[in-house]
Structures are given as C-alpha cells and as structure tokens.
Amino acid sequence: MRRLDTSYSGRVSRVVELLQGKWTVQILCAMRGRPVRLSGLKRKIPFASKKALTANLRSLEAAQVVLRRDLSRSVLHVEYELADAMREPLGALLDHLAEWGELYDSEVRQPEGHHEAL
C-alpha cells in the first residue's frame, strides 16, 4: 500500500486530483448550498452529458465529497449534496478560486488585441 504524502504539496495535489474531472468544479458550484438532482445539474451544465455528470458524481461520491440520497417512493428520485464535512471548506476553496480567477483575468491576462511586443 502506498504511503499518503502528508506534505503541503501532497495535500494540494490530492485536492487538485479530486477537482480534475472535466465537469467537477461546475458540479460542485451548482450543488453549493443545496441538494440537486441529476436533471437540475443537466440544466445548469447543459454542455455536459448525463453520462459525464454521472461519472463525475460517482467519483465525488467515492471520494466522500458528495452524498447520494435515494428518496424514491414509487418514482426514481435521487439527490446529491455536499458531505457535511466538505460543505464549509469546499465553499471557501471555491470562493478563493473565484477570487484568484478574477485577479488572474484582470492582472495577468491581456485583453484580446493588447499583447505586448516581445
């Protein structure tokens, strides 16, 4: 069994690995604050296929980031939500990533057509 890297870079690498799915960040943003159904995610992320969303949700469920709740009575009704222990820290992480993205866009990226000469 491989030893868990508990260094700073090891912990950061595990988080990046969890977030690397093509639709993972969009899924986490969509379910922030409330449970969602697959159909609700599909409406919020229209370019993602149901198959891709389901694969990402299963991966997040296996990593214990997301909980799957079967609320079926006679009709299939499944909701997904962030695990309690993940809700606050993941919300803070997403906020920081959004702030970093805004800073990157305003400070680092050049507007189209305004490239500095090399």
PDB file of N, CA and C in Angstrom:
ATOM      1  N   MET A   1       0.841  -1.181   0.000  1.00  0.00           N
ATOM      2  CA  MET A   1       0.000   0.000   0.000  1.00  0.00           C
ATOM      3  C   MET A   1       0.886   1.244   0.000  1.00  0.00           C
ATOM      4  N   ARG A   2       0.531   2.201  -0.826  1.00  0.00           N
ATOM      5  CA  ARG A   2       1.305   3.425  -0.966  1.00  0.00           C
ATOM      6  C   ARG A   2       1.083   4.334   0.240  1.00  0.00           C
ATOM      7  N   ARG A   3       2.164   4.921   0.731  1.00  0.00           N
ATOM      8  CA  ARG A   3       2.068   5.849   1.857  1.00  0.00           C
ATOM      9  C   ARG A   3       1.475   7.163   1.404  1.00  0.00           C
ATOM     10  N   LEU A   4       0.632   7.738   2.239  1.00  0.00           N
ATOM     11  CA  LEU A   4      -0.008   9.005   1.940  1.00  0.00           C
ATOM     12  C   LEU A   4       0.985  10.145   2.149  1.00  0.00           C
ATOM     13  N   ASP A   5       1.152  10.958   1.130  1.00  0.00           N
ATOM     14  CA  ASP A   5       2.044  12.120   1.214  1.00  0.00           C
ATOM     15  C   ASP A   5       1.329  13.208   2.002  1.00  0.00           C
ATOM     16  N   THR A   6       1.800  13.486   3.203  1.00  0.00           N
ATOM     17  CA  THR A   6       1.154  14.476   4.069  1.00  0.00           C
ATOM     18  C   THR A   6       1.813  15.846   3.978  1.00  0.00           C
ATOM     19  N   SER A   7       2.757  15.995   3.064  1.00  0.00           N
ATOM     20  CA  SER A   7       3.397  17.294   2.894  1.00  0.00           C
ATOM     21  C   SER A   7       2.388  18.290   2.324  1.00  0.00           C
ATOM     22  N   TYR A   8       2.730  19.555   2.372  1.00  0.00           N
ATOM     23  CA  TYR A   8       1.887  20.609   1.820  1.00  0.00           C
ATOM     24  C   TYR A   8       1.559  20.317   0.365  1.00  0.00           C
ATOM     25  N   SER A   9       2.591  20.033  -0.443  1.00  0.00           N
ATOM     26  CA  SER A   9       2.352  19.777  -1.867  1.00  0.00           C
ATOM     27  C   SER A   9       1.545  18.494  -2.072  1.00  0.00           C
ATOM     28  N   GLY A  10       1.719  17.507  -1.219  1.00  0.00           N
ATOM     29  CA  GLY A  10       0.955  16.268  -1.317  1.00  0.00           C
ATOM     30  C   GLY A  10      -0.525  16.506  -1.067  1.00  0.00           C
ATOM     31  N   ARG A  11      -0.825  17.304  -0.055  1.00  0.00           N
ATOM     32  CA  ARG A  11      -2.228  17.620   0.249  1.00  0.00           C
ATOM     33  C   ARG A  11      -2.856  18.430  -0.874  1.00  0.00           C
ATOM     34  N   VAL A  12      -2.131  19.421  -1.399  1.00  0.00           N
ATOM     35  CA  VAL A  12      -2.642  20.236  -2.507  1.00  0.00           C
ATOM     36  C   VAL A  12      -2.857  19.360  -3.740  1.00  0.00           C
ATOM     37  N   SER A  13      -1.930  18.471  -4.011  1.00  0.00           N
ATOM     38  CA  SER A  13      -2.048  17.574  -5.170  1.00  0.00           C
ATOM     39  C   SER A  13      -3.295  16.704  -5.079  1.00  0.00           C
ATOM     40  N   ARG A  14      -3.632  16.214  -3.889  1.00  0.00           N
ATOM     41  CA  ARG A  14      -4.840  15.398  -3.721  1.00  0.00           C
ATOM     42  C   ARG A  14      -6.093  16.213  -4.032  1.00  0.00           C
ATOM     43  N   VAL A  15      -6.129  17.463  -3.608  1.00  0.00           N
ATOM     44  CA  VAL A  15      -7.291  18.318  -3.889  1.00  0.00           C
ATOM     45  C   VAL A  15      -7.397  18.578  -5.384  1.00  0.00           C
ATOM     46  N   VAL A  16      -6.285  18.897  -6.020  1.00  0.00           N
ATOM     47  CA  VAL A  16      -6.289  19.143  -7.468  1.00  0.00           C
ATOM     48  C   VAL A  16      -6.741  17.889  -8.203  1.00  0.00           C
ATOM     49  N   GLU A  17      -6.292  16.728  -7.749  1.00  0.00           N
ATOM     50  CA  GLU A  17      -6.697  15.464  -8.358  1.00  0.00           C
ATOM     51  C   GLU A  17      -8.208  15.252  -8.236  1.00  0.00           C
ATOM     52  N   LEU A  18      -8.775  15.592  -7.085  1.00  0.00           N
ATOM     53  CA  LEU A  18     -10.221  15.468  -6.886  1.00  0.00           C
ATOM     54  C   LEU A  18     -10.997  16.392  -7.823  1.00  0.00           C
ATOM     55  N   LEU A  19     -10.447  17.564  -8.113  1.00  0.00           N
ATOM     56  CA  LEU A  19     -11.146  18.568  -8.909  1.00  0.00           C
ATOM     57  C   LEU A  19     -10.896  18.449 -10.407  1.00  0.00           C
ATOM     58  N   GLN A  20     -10.098  17.480 -10.845  1.00  0.00           N
ATOM     59  CA  GLN A  20      -9.656  17.448 -12.229  1.00  0.00           C
ATOM     60  C   GLN A  20     -10.686  16.950 -13.235  1.00  0.00           C
ATOM     61  N   GLY A  21     -11.777  16.372 -12.816  1.00  0.00           N
ATOM     62  CA  GLY A  21     -12.792  15.937 -13.772  1.00  0.00           C
ATOM     63  C   GLY A  21     -13.298  17.119 -14.585  1.00  0.00           C
ATOM     64  N   LYS A  22     -13.625  16.874 -15.848  1.00  0.00           N
ATOM     65  CA  LYS A  22     -13.990  17.967 -16.746  1.00  0.00           C
ATOM     66  C   LYS A  22     -15.120  18.835 -16.196  1.00  0.00           C
ATOM     67  N   TRP A  23     -16.094  18.237 -15.543  1.00  0.00           N
ATOM     68  CA  TRP A  23     -17.258  18.987 -15.053  1.00  0.00           C
ATOM     69  C   TRP A  23     -17.302  19.104 -13.539  1.00  0.00           C
ATOM     70  N   THR A  24     -16.275  18.632 -12.849  1.00  0.00           N
ATOM     71  CA  THR A  24     -16.298  18.551 -11.393  1.00  0.00           C
ATOM     72  C   THR A  24     -16.498  19.906 -10.725  1.00  0.00           C
ATOM     73  N   VAL A  25     -15.754  20.912 -11.122  1.00  0.00           N
ATOM     74  CA  VAL A  25     -15.878  22.225 -10.481  1.00  0.00           C
ATOM     75  C   VAL A  25     -17.271  22.801 -10.721  1.00  0.00           C
ATOM     76  N   GLN A  26     -17.790  22.660 -11.944  1.00  0.00           N
ATOM     77  CA  GLN A  26     -19.128  23.166 -12.235  1.00  0.00           C
ATOM     78  C   GLN A  26     -20.185  22.435 -11.404  1.00  0.00           C
ATOM     79  N   ILE A  27     -20.008  21.132 -11.215  1.00  0.00           N
ATOM     80  CA  ILE A  27     -20.934  20.351 -10.391  1.00  0.00           C
ATOM     81  C   ILE A  27     -20.905  20.854  -8.952  1.00  0.00           C
ATOM     82  N   LEU A  28     -19.712  21.032  -8.412  1.00  0.00           N
ATOM     83  CA  LEU A  28     -19.587  21.476  -7.021  1.00  0.00           C
ATOM     84  C   LEU A  28     -20.179  22.872  -6.829  1.00  0.00           C
ATOM     85  N   CYS A  29     -19.963  23.752  -7.790  1.00  0.00           N
ATOM     86  CA  CYS A  29     -20.551  25.094  -7.713  1.00  0.00           C
ATOM     87  C   CYS A  29     -22.078  25.021  -7.766  1.00  0.00           C
ATOM     88  N   ALA A  30     -22.607  24.137  -8.599  1.00  0.00           N
ATOM     89  CA  ALA A  30     -24.056  24.014  -8.756  1.00  0.00           C
ATOM     90  C   ALA A  30     -24.723  23.439  -7.510  1.00  0.00           C
ATOM     91  N   MET A  31     -24.025  22.584  -6.778  1.00  0.00           N
ATOM     92  CA  MET A  31     -24.656  21.962  -5.607  1.00  0.00           C
ATOM     93  C   MET A  31     -24.304  22.683  -4.306  1.00  0.00           C
ATOM     94  N   ARG A  32     -23.594  23.764  -4.417  1.00  0.00           N
ATOM     95  CA  ARG A  32     -23.225  24.529  -3.235  1.00  0.00           C
ATOM     96  C   ARG A  32     -24.470  25.113  -2.571  1.00  0.00           C
ATOM     97  N   GLY A  33     -24.676  24.742  -1.337  1.00  0.00           N
ATOM     98  CA  GLY A  33     -25.783  25.304  -0.569  1.00  0.00           C
ATOM     99  C   GLY A  33     -27.075  24.516  -0.598  1.00  0.00           C
ATOM    100  N   ARG A  34     -27.233  23.580  -1.551  1.00  0.00           N
ATOM    101  CA  ARG A  34     -28.479  22.826  -1.599  1.00  0.00           C
ATOM    102  C   ARG A  34     -28.293  21.524  -2.375  1.00  0.00           C
ATOM    103  N   PRO A  35     -29.108  20.538  -2.047  1.00  0.00           N
ATOM    104  CA  PRO A  35     -29.070  19.286  -2.804  1.00  0.00           C
ATOM    105  C   PRO A  35     -29.569  19.519  -4.229  1.00  0.00           C
ATOM    106  N   VAL A  36     -29.089  18.709  -5.167  1.00  0.00           N
ATOM    107  CA  VAL A  36     -29.523  18.809  -6.558  1.00  0.00           C
ATOM    108  C   VAL A  36     -29.797  17.420  -7.121  1.00  0.00           C
ATOM    109  N   ARG A  37     -30.671  17.386  -8.095  1.00  0.00           N
ATOM    110  CA  ARG A  37     -30.927  16.164  -8.841  1.00  0.00           C
ATOM    111  C   ARG A  37     -30.102  16.202 -10.115  1.00  0.00           C
ATOM    112  N   LEU A  38     -29.920  15.050 -10.730  1.00  0.00           N
ATOM    113  CA  LEU A  38     -29.156  14.976 -11.971  1.00  0.00           C
ATOM    114  C   LEU A  38     -29.779  15.880 -13.037  1.00  0.00           C
ATOM    115  N   SER A  39     -31.096  15.903 -13.107  1.00  0.00           N
ATOM    116  CA  SER A  39     -31.761  16.746 -14.108  1.00  0.00           C
ATOM    117  C   SER A  39     -31.491  18.231 -13.853  1.00  0.00           C
ATOM    118  N   GLY A  40     -31.394  18.618 -12.589  1.00  0.00           N
ATOM    119  CA  GLY A  40     -31.059  20.002 -12.252  1.00  0.00           C
ATOM    120  C   GLY A  40     -29.641  20.349 -12.651  1.00  0.00           C
ATOM    121  N   LEU A  41     -28.714  19.411 -12.443  1.00  0.00           N
ATOM    122  CA  LEU A  41     -27.332  19.628 -12.879  1.00  0.00           C
ATOM    123  C   LEU A  41     -27.262  19.745 -14.394  1.00  0.00           C
ATOM    124  N   LYS A  42     -28.025  18.920 -15.080  1.00  0.00           N
ATOM    125  CA  LYS A  42     -28.022  18.947 -16.543  1.00  0.00           C
ATOM    126  C   LYS A  42     -28.508  20.307 -17.050  1.00  0.00           C
ATOM    127  N   ARG A  43     -29.501  20.892 -16.382  1.00  0.00           N
ATOM    128  CA  ARG A  43     -29.976  22.227 -16.772  1.00  0.00           C
ATOM    129  C   ARG A  43     -28.918  23.295 -16.515  1.00  0.00           C
ATOM    130  N   LYS A  44     -28.192  23.168 -15.412  1.00  0.00           N
ATOM    131  CA  LYS A  44     -27.170  24.164 -15.055  1.00  0.00           C
ATOM    132  C   LYS A  44     -25.891  23.999 -15.864  1.00  0.00           C
ATOM    133  N   ILE A  45     -25.637  22.781 -16.329  1.00  0.00           N
ATOM    134  CA  ILE A  45     -24.423  22.487 -17.097  1.00  0.00           C
ATOM    135  C   ILE A  45     -24.865  21.815 -18.404  1.00  0.00           C
ATOM    136  N   PRO A  46     -25.466  22.571 -19.312  1.00  0.00           N
ATOM    137  CA  PRO A  46     -26.106  21.971 -20.481  1.00  0.00           C
ATOM    138  C   PRO A  46     -25.161  21.278 -21.466  1.00  0.00           C
ATOM    139  N   PHE A  47     -23.894  21.647 -21.487  1.00  0.00           N
ATOM    140  CA  PHE A  47     -22.970  21.027 -22.443  1.00  0.00           C
ATOM    141  C   PHE A  47     -22.439  19.680 -21.962  1.00  0.00           C
ATOM    142  N   ALA A  48     -22.687  19.350 -20.699  1.00  0.00           N
ATOM    143  CA  ALA A  48     -22.227  18.065 -20.155  1.00  0.00           C
ATOM    144  C   ALA A  48     -23.293  17.003 -20.410  1.00  0.00           C
ATOM    145  N   SER A  49     -22.866  15.835 -20.808  1.00  0.00           N
ATOM    146  CA  SER A  49     -23.819  14.734 -20.995  1.00  0.00           C
ATOM    147  C   SER A  49     -24.205  14.165 -19.632  1.00  0.00           C
ATOM    148  N   LYS A  50     -25.353  13.504 -19.590  1.00  0.00           N
ATOM    149  CA  LYS A  50     -25.769  12.858 -18.339  1.00  0.00           C
ATOM    150  C   LYS A  50     -24.748  11.801 -17.916  1.00  0.00           C
ATOM    151  N   LYS A  51     -24.187  11.113 -18.911  1.00  0.00           N
ATOM    152  CA  LYS A  51     -23.176  10.086 -18.629  1.00  0.00           C
ATOM    153  C   LYS A  51     -21.948  10.701 -17.955  1.00  0.00           C
ATOM    154  N   ALA A  52     -21.485  11.838 -18.461  1.00  0.00           N
ATOM    155  CA  ALA A  52     -20.312  12.503 -17.887  1.00  0.00           C
ATOM    156  C   ALA A  52     -20.624  13.030 -16.486  1.00  0.00           C
ATOM    157  N   LEU A  53     -21.803  13.620 -16.319  1.00  0.00           N
ATOM    158  CA  LEU A  53     -22.179  14.125 -14.988  1.00  0.00           C
ATOM    159  C   LEU A  53     -22.265  12.974 -13.993  1.00  0.00           C
ATOM    160  N   THR A  54     -22.862  11.873 -14.405  1.00  0.00           N
ATOM    161  CA  THR A  54     -22.990  10.708 -13.525  1.00  0.00           C
ATOM    162  C   THR A  54     -21.622  10.160 -13.140  1.00  0.00           C
ATOM    163  N   ALA A  55     -20.710  10.091 -14.096  1.00  0.00           N
ATOM    164  CA  ALA A  55     -19.352   9.595 -13.805  1.00  0.00           C
ATOM    165  C   ALA A  55     -18.651  10.512 -12.809  1.00  0.00           C
ATOM    166  N   ASN A  56     -18.781  11.820 -12.989  1.00  0.00           N
ATOM    167  CA  ASN A  56     -18.167  12.772 -12.051  1.00  0.00           C
ATOM    168  C   ASN A  56     -18.803  12.661 -10.674  1.00  0.00           C
ATOM    169  N   LEU A  57     -20.120  12.532 -10.621  1.00  0.00           N
ATOM    170  CA  LEU A  57     -20.808  12.393  -9.332  1.00  0.00           C
ATOM    171  C   LEU A  57     -20.375  11.114  -8.616  1.00  0.00           C
ATOM    172  N   ARG A  58     -20.237  10.028  -9.341  1.00  0.00           N
ATOM    173  CA  ARG A  58     -19.798   8.767  -8.725  1.00  0.00           C
ATOM    174  C   ARG A  58     -18.383   8.881  -8.172  1.00  0.00           C
ATOM    175  N   SER A  59     -17.537   9.576  -8.911  1.00  0.00           N
ATOM    176  CA  SER A  59     -16.165   9.795  -8.454  1.00  0.00           C
ATOM    177  C   SER A  59     -16.150  10.632  -7.172  1.00  0.00           C
ATOM    178  N   LEU A  60     -16.947  11.695  -7.150  1.00  0.00           N
ATOM    179  CA  LEU A  60     -17.026  12.541  -5.955  1.00  0.00           C
ATOM    180  C   LEU A  60     -17.655  11.793  -4.781  1.00  0.00           C
ATOM    181  N   GLU A  61     -18.609  10.926  -5.072  1.00  0.00           N
ATOM    182  CA  GLU A  61     -19.220  10.105  -4.024  1.00  0.00           C
ATOM    183  C   GLU A  61     -18.203   9.119  -3.454  1.00  0.00           C
ATOM    184  N   ALA A  62     -17.434   8.489  -4.318  1.00  0.00           N
ATOM    185  CA  ALA A  62     -16.403   7.541  -3.872  1.00  0.00           C
ATOM    186  C   ALA A  62     -15.351   8.236  -3.012  1.00  0.00           C
ATOM    187  N   ALA A  63     -15.075   9.503  -3.308  1.00  0.00           N
ATOM    188  CA  ALA A  63     -14.097  10.276  -2.529  1.00  0.00           C
ATOM    189  C   ALA A  63     -14.717  10.879  -1.275  1.00  0.00           C
ATOM    190  N   GLN A  64     -15.989  10.613  -1.043  1.00  0.00           N
ATOM    191  CA  GLN A  64     -16.735  11.093   0.130  1.00  0.00           C
ATOM    192  C   GLN A  64     -16.845  12.617   0.181  1.00  0.00           C
ATOM    193  N   VAL A  65     -16.873  13.233  -0.999  1.00  0.00           N
ATOM    194  CA  VAL A  65     -17.078  14.676  -1.106  1.00  0.00           C
ATOM    195  C   VAL A  65     -18.564  14.964  -1.269  1.00  0.00           C
ATOM    196  N   VAL A  66     -19.254  14.046  -1.958  1.00  0.00           N
ATOM    197  CA  VAL A  66     -20.672  14.188  -2.260  1.00  0.00           C
ATOM    198  C   VAL A  66     -21.427  12.991  -1.703  1.00  0.00           C
ATOM    199  N   LEU A  67     -22.629  13.250  -1.214  1.00  0.00           N
ATOM    200  CA  LEU A  67     -23.514  12.182  -0.746  1.00  0.00           C
ATOM    201  C   LEU A  67     -24.625  11.977  -1.759  1.00  0.00           C
ATOM    202  N   ARG A  68     -24.963  10.728  -2.003  1.00  0.00           N
ATOM    203  CA  ARG A  68     -26.087  10.385  -2.882  1.00  0.00           C
ATOM    204  C   ARG A  68     -27.221   9.923  -1.993  1.00  0.00           C
ATOM    205  N   ARG A  69     -28.366  10.543  -2.165  1.00  0.00           N
ATOM    206  CA  ARG A  69     -29.522  10.211  -1.339  1.00  0.00           C
ATOM    207  C   ARG A  69     -30.656   9.699  -2.223  1.00  0.00           C
ATOM    208  N   ASP A  70     -31.065   8.464  -2.003  1.00  0.00           N
ATOM    209  CA  ASP A  70     -32.181   7.882  -2.757  1.00  0.00           C
ATOM    210  C   ASP A  70     -33.461   8.179  -1.988  1.00  0.00           C
ATOM    211  N   LEU A  71     -34.296   9.043  -2.549  1.00  0.00           N
ATOM    212  CA  LEU A  71     -35.554   9.431  -1.921  1.00  0.00           C
ATOM    213  C   LEU A  71     -36.747   8.820  -2.649  1.00  0.00           C
ATOM    214  N   SER A  72     -36.507   7.724  -3.356  1.00  0.00           N
ATOM    215  CA  SER A  72     -37.551   7.093  -4.172  1.00  0.00           C
ATOM    216  C   SER A  72     -38.657   6.527  -3.304  1.00  0.00           C
ATOM    217  N   ARG A  73     -39.839   6.725  -3.785  1.00  0.00           N
ATOM    218  CA  ARG A  73     -41.011   6.059  -3.228  1.00  0.00           C
ATOM    219  C   ARG A  73     -41.509   5.125  -4.338  1.00  0.00           C
ATOM    220  N   SER A  74     -42.211   5.681  -5.308  1.00  0.00           N
ATOM    221  CA  SER A  74     -42.631   4.874  -6.451  1.00  0.00           C
ATOM    222  C   SER A  74     -41.874   5.281  -7.713  1.00  0.00           C
ATOM    223  N   VAL A  75     -41.384   6.507  -7.732  1.00  0.00           N
ATOM    224  CA  VAL A  75     -40.635   7.026  -8.882  1.00  0.00           C
ATOM    225  C   VAL A  75     -39.199   7.283  -8.439  1.00  0.00           C
ATOM    226  N   LEU A  76     -38.246   7.020  -9.340  1.00  0.00           N
ATOM    227  CA  LEU A  76     -36.837   7.246  -9.017  1.00  0.00           C
ATOM    228  C   LEU A  76     -36.609   8.717  -8.661  1.00  0.00           C
ATOM    229  N   HIS A  77     -36.068   8.959  -7.495  1.00  0.00           N
ATOM    230  CA  HIS A  77     -35.785  10.323  -7.030  1.00  0.00           C
ATOM    231  C   HIS A  77     -34.470  10.270  -6.244  1.00  0.00           C
ATOM    232  N   VAL A  78     -33.415  10.742  -6.876  1.00  0.00           N
ATOM    233  CA  VAL A  78     -32.095  10.733  -6.255  1.00  0.00           C
ATOM    234  C   VAL A  78     -31.593  12.160  -6.193  1.00  0.00           C
ATOM    235  N   GLU A  79     -31.064  12.544  -5.044  1.00  0.00           N
ATOM    236  CA  GLU A  79     -30.456  13.861  -4.887  1.00  0.00           C
ATOM    237  C   GLU A  79     -28.999  13.692  -4.472  1.00  0.00           C
ATOM    238  N   TYR A  80     -28.211  14.676  -4.854  1.00  0.00           N
ATOM    239  CA  TYR A  80     -26.806  14.719  -4.481  1.00  0.00           C
ATOM    240  C   TYR A  80     -26.571  15.998  -3.701  1.00  0.00           C
ATOM    241  N   GLU A  81     -25.724  15.901  -2.680  1.00  0.00           N
ATOM    242  CA  GLU A  81     -25.363  17.087  -1.918  1.00  0.00           C
ATOM    243  C   GLU A  81     -23.947  16.938  -1.389  1.00  0.00           C
ATOM    244  N   LEU A  82     -23.359  18.063  -1.049  1.00  0.00           N
ATOM    245  CA  LEU A  82     -22.024  18.029  -0.475  1.00  0.00           C
ATOM    246  C   LEU A  82     -22.078  17.360   0.885  1.00  0.00           C
ATOM    247  N   ALA A  83     -21.095  16.556   1.188  1.00  0.00           N
ATOM    248  CA  ALA A  83     -20.999  15.940   2.514  1.00  0.00           C
ATOM    249  C   ALA A  83     -20.845  17.045   3.545  1.00  0.00           C
ATOM    250  N   ASP A  84     -21.431  16.865   4.708  1.00  0.00           N
ATOM    251  CA  ASP A  84     -21.403  17.891   5.759  1.00  0.00           C
ATOM    252  C   ASP A  84     -19.993  18.403   6.033  1.00  0.00           C
ATOM    253  N   ALA A  85     -19.050  17.485   6.156  1.00  0.00           N
ATOM    254  CA  ALA A  85     -17.675  17.876   6.490  1.00  0.00           C
ATOM    255  C   ALA A  85     -17.006  18.652   5.354  1.00  0.00           C
ATOM    256  N   MET A  86     -17.532  18.553   4.143  1.00  0.00           N
ATOM    257  CA  MET A  86     -16.930  19.204   2.978  1.00  0.00           C
ATOM    258  C   MET A  86     -17.559  20.567   2.679  1.00  0.00           C
ATOM    259  N   ARG A  87     -18.780  20.795   3.136  1.00  0.00           N
ATOM    260  CA  ARG A  87     -19.561  21.969   2.726  1.00  0.00           C
ATOM    261  C   ARG A  87     -18.829  23.287   2.974  1.00  0.00           C
ATOM    262  N   GLU A  88     -18.404  23.540   4.184  1.00  0.00           N
ATOM    263  CA  GLU A  88     -17.756  24.825   4.510  1.00  0.00           C
ATOM    264  C   GLU A  88     -16.361  24.960   3.895  1.00  0.00           C
ATOM    265  N   PRO A  89     -15.472  23.977   4.072  1.00  0.00           N
ATOM    266  CA  PRO A  89     -14.142  24.141   3.475  1.00  0.00           C
ATOM    267  C   PRO A  89     -14.171  24.191   1.950  1.00  0.00           C
ATOM    268  N   LEU A  90     -15.056  23.424   1.338  1.00  0.00           N
ATOM    269  CA  LEU A  90     -15.141  23.442  -0.121  1.00  0.00           C
ATOM    270  C   LEU A  90     -15.710  24.774  -0.605  1.00  0.00           C
ATOM    271  N   GLY A  91     -16.678  25.317   0.122  1.00  0.00           N
ATOM    272  CA  GLY A  91     -17.211  26.638  -0.219  1.00  0.00           C
ATOM    273  C   GLY A  91     -16.131  27.698  -0.167  1.00  0.00           C
ATOM    274  N   ALA A  92     -15.309  27.648   0.874  1.00  0.00           N
ATOM    275  CA  ALA A  92     -14.205  28.609   0.995  1.00  0.00           C
ATOM    276  C   ALA A  92     -13.199  28.419  -0.139  1.00  0.00           C
ATOM    277  N   LEU A  93     -12.896  27.171  -0.486  1.00  0.00           N
ATOM    278  CA  LEU A  93     -11.964  26.897  -1.577  1.00  0.00           C
ATOM    279  C   LEU A  93     -12.497  27.451  -2.894  1.00  0.00           C
ATOM    280  N   LEU A  94     -13.776  27.211  -3.179  1.00  0.00           N
ATOM    281  CA  LEU A  94     -14.370  27.722  -4.413  1.00  0.00           C
ATOM    282  C   LEU A  94     -14.349  29.250  -4.439  1.00  0.00           C
ATOM    283  N   ASP A  95     -14.629  29.883  -3.291  1.00  0.00           N
ATOM    284  CA  ASP A  95     -14.558  31.357  -3.208  1.00  0.00           C
ATOM    285  C   ASP A  95     -13.155  31.856  -3.527  1.00  0.00           C
ATOM    286  N   HIS A  96     -12.151  31.200  -2.956  1.00  0.00           N
ATOM    287  CA  HIS A  96     -10.761  31.604  -3.210  1.00  0.00           C
ATOM    288  C   HIS A  96     -10.368  31.385  -4.666  1.00  0.00           C
ATOM    289  N   LEU A  97     -10.821  30.281  -5.242  1.00  0.00           N
ATOM    290  CA  LEU A  97     -10.533  30.034  -6.652  1.00  0.00           C
ATOM    291  C   LEU A  97     -11.190  31.096  -7.540  1.00  0.00           C
ATOM    292  N   ALA A  98     -12.416  31.493  -7.207  1.00  0.00           N
ATOM    293  CA  ALA A  98     -13.095  32.540  -7.981  1.00  0.00           C
ATOM    294  C   ALA A  98     -12.359  33.874  -7.857  1.00  0.00           C
ATOM    295  N   GLU A  99     -11.906  34.192  -6.646  1.00  0.00           N
ATOM    296  CA  GLU A  99     -11.135  35.429  -6.449  1.00  0.00           C
ATOM    297  C   GLU A  99      -9.832  35.386  -7.232  1.00  0.00           C
ATOM    298  N   TRP A 100      -9.159  34.256  -7.193  1.00  0.00           N
ATOM    299  CA  TRP A 100      -7.913  34.107  -7.931  1.00  0.00           C
ATOM    300  C   TRP A 100      -8.162  34.239  -9.433  1.00  0.00           C
ATOM    301  N   GLY A 101      -9.257  33.643  -9.904  1.00  0.00           N
ATOM    302  CA  GLY A 101      -9.612  33.745 -11.318  1.00  0.00           C
ATOM    303  C   GLY A 101      -9.874  35.188 -11.734  1.00  0.00           C
ATOM    304  N   GLU A 102     -10.544  35.935 -10.870  1.00  0.00           N
ATOM    305  CA  GLU A 102     -10.807  37.350 -11.156  1.00  0.00           C
ATOM    306  C   GLU A 102      -9.504  38.139 -11.194  1.00  0.00           C
ATOM    307  N   LEU A 103      -8.622  37.896 -10.228  1.00  0.00           N
ATOM    308  CA  LEU A 103      -7.321  38.565 -10.198  1.00  0.00           C
ATOM    309  C   LEU A 103      -6.515  38.201 -11.437  1.00  0.00           C
ATOM    310  N   TYR A 104      -6.510  36.928 -11.784  1.00  0.00           N
ATOM    311  CA  TYR A 104      -5.768  36.477 -12.956  1.00  0.00           C
ATOM    312  C   TYR A 104      -6.281  37.177 -14.217  1.00  0.00           C
ATOM    313  N   ASP A 105      -7.599  37.224 -14.355  1.00  0.00           N
ATOM    314  CA  ASP A 105      -8.175  37.866 -15.536  1.00  0.00           C
ATOM    315  C   ASP A 105      -7.842  39.350 -15.607  1.00  0.00           C
ATOM    316  N   SER A 106      -7.884  40.043 -14.479  1.00  0.00           N
ATOM    317  CA  SER A 106      -7.666  41.491 -14.506  1.00  0.00           C
ATOM    318  C   SER A 106      -6.193  41.885 -14.491  1.00  0.00           C
ATOM    319  N   GLU A 107      -5.349  41.100 -13.862  1.00  0.00           N
ATOM    320  CA  GLU A 107      -3.952  41.483 -13.690  1.00  0.00           C
ATOM    321  C   GLU A 107      -2.980  40.785 -14.637  1.00  0.00           C
ATOM    322  N   VAL A 108      -3.294  39.583 -15.040  1.00  0.00           N
ATOM    323  CA  VAL A 108      -2.331  38.786 -15.786  1.00  0.00           C
ATOM    324  C   VAL A 108      -2.709  38.663 -17.256  1.00  0.00           C
ATOM    325  N   ARG A 109      -3.930  38.294 -17.512  1.00  0.00           N
ATOM    326  CA  ARG A 109      -4.344  38.092 -18.910  1.00  0.00           C
ATOM    327  C   ARG A 109      -4.472  39.419 -19.619  1.00  0.00           C
ATOM    328  N   GLN A 110      -3.969  39.470 -20.799  1.00  0.00           N
ATOM    329  CA  GLN A 110      -4.063  40.663 -21.626  1.00  0.00           C
ATOM    330  C   GLN A 110      -5.398  40.624 -22.383  1.00  0.00           C
ATOM    331  N   PRO A 111      -6.100  41.751 -22.458  1.00  0.00           N
ATOM    332  CA  PRO A 111      -7.306  41.760 -23.284  1.00  0.00           C
ATOM    333  C   PRO A 111      -6.932  41.456 -24.730  1.00  0.00           C
ATOM    334  N   GLU A 112      -7.834  40.830 -25.466  1.00  0.00           N
ATOM    335  CA  GLU A 112      -7.558  40.475 -26.868  1.00  0.00           C
ATOM    336  C   GLU A 112      -7.154  41.714 -27.643  1.00  0.00           C
ATOM    337  N   GLY A 113      -6.116  41.583 -28.443  1.00  0.00           N
ATOM    338  CA  GLY A 113      -5.647  42.698 -29.256  1.00  0.00           C
ATOM    339  C   GLY A 113      -4.672  43.619 -28.545  1.00  0.00           C
ATOM    340  N   HIS A 114      -4.390  43.374 -27.267  1.00  0.00           N
ATOM    341  CA  HIS A 114      -3.477  44.214 -26.492  1.00  0.00           C
ATOM    342  C   HIS A 114      -2.296  43.426 -25.982  1.00  0.00           C
ATOM    343  N   HIS A 115      -1.621  42.759 -26.869  1.00  0.00           N
ATOM    344  CA  HIS A 115      -0.465  41.951 -26.496  1.00  0.00           C
ATOM    345  C   HIS A 115       0.803  42.791 -26.552  1.00  0.00           C
ATOM    346  N   GLU A 116       1.640  42.609 -25.546  1.00  0.00           N
ATOM    347  CA  GLU A 116       2.923  43.334 -25.535  1.00  0.00           C
ATOM    348  C   GLU A 116       3.864  42.725 -26.557  1.00  0.00           C
ATOM    349  N   ALA A 117       4.664  43.562 -27.150  1.00  0.00           N
ATOM    350  CA  ALA A 117       5.663  43.081 -28.117  1.00  0.00           C
ATOM    351  C   ALA A 117       6.759  42.352 -27.339  1.00  0.00           C
ATOM    352  N   LEU A 118       7.231  41.278 -27.931  1.00  0.00           N
ATOM    353  CA  LEU A 118       8.303  40.510 -27.268  1.00  0.00           C
ATOM    354  C   LEU A 118       9.648  41.075 -27.552  1.00  0.00           C
TER     355      LEU A 118
END
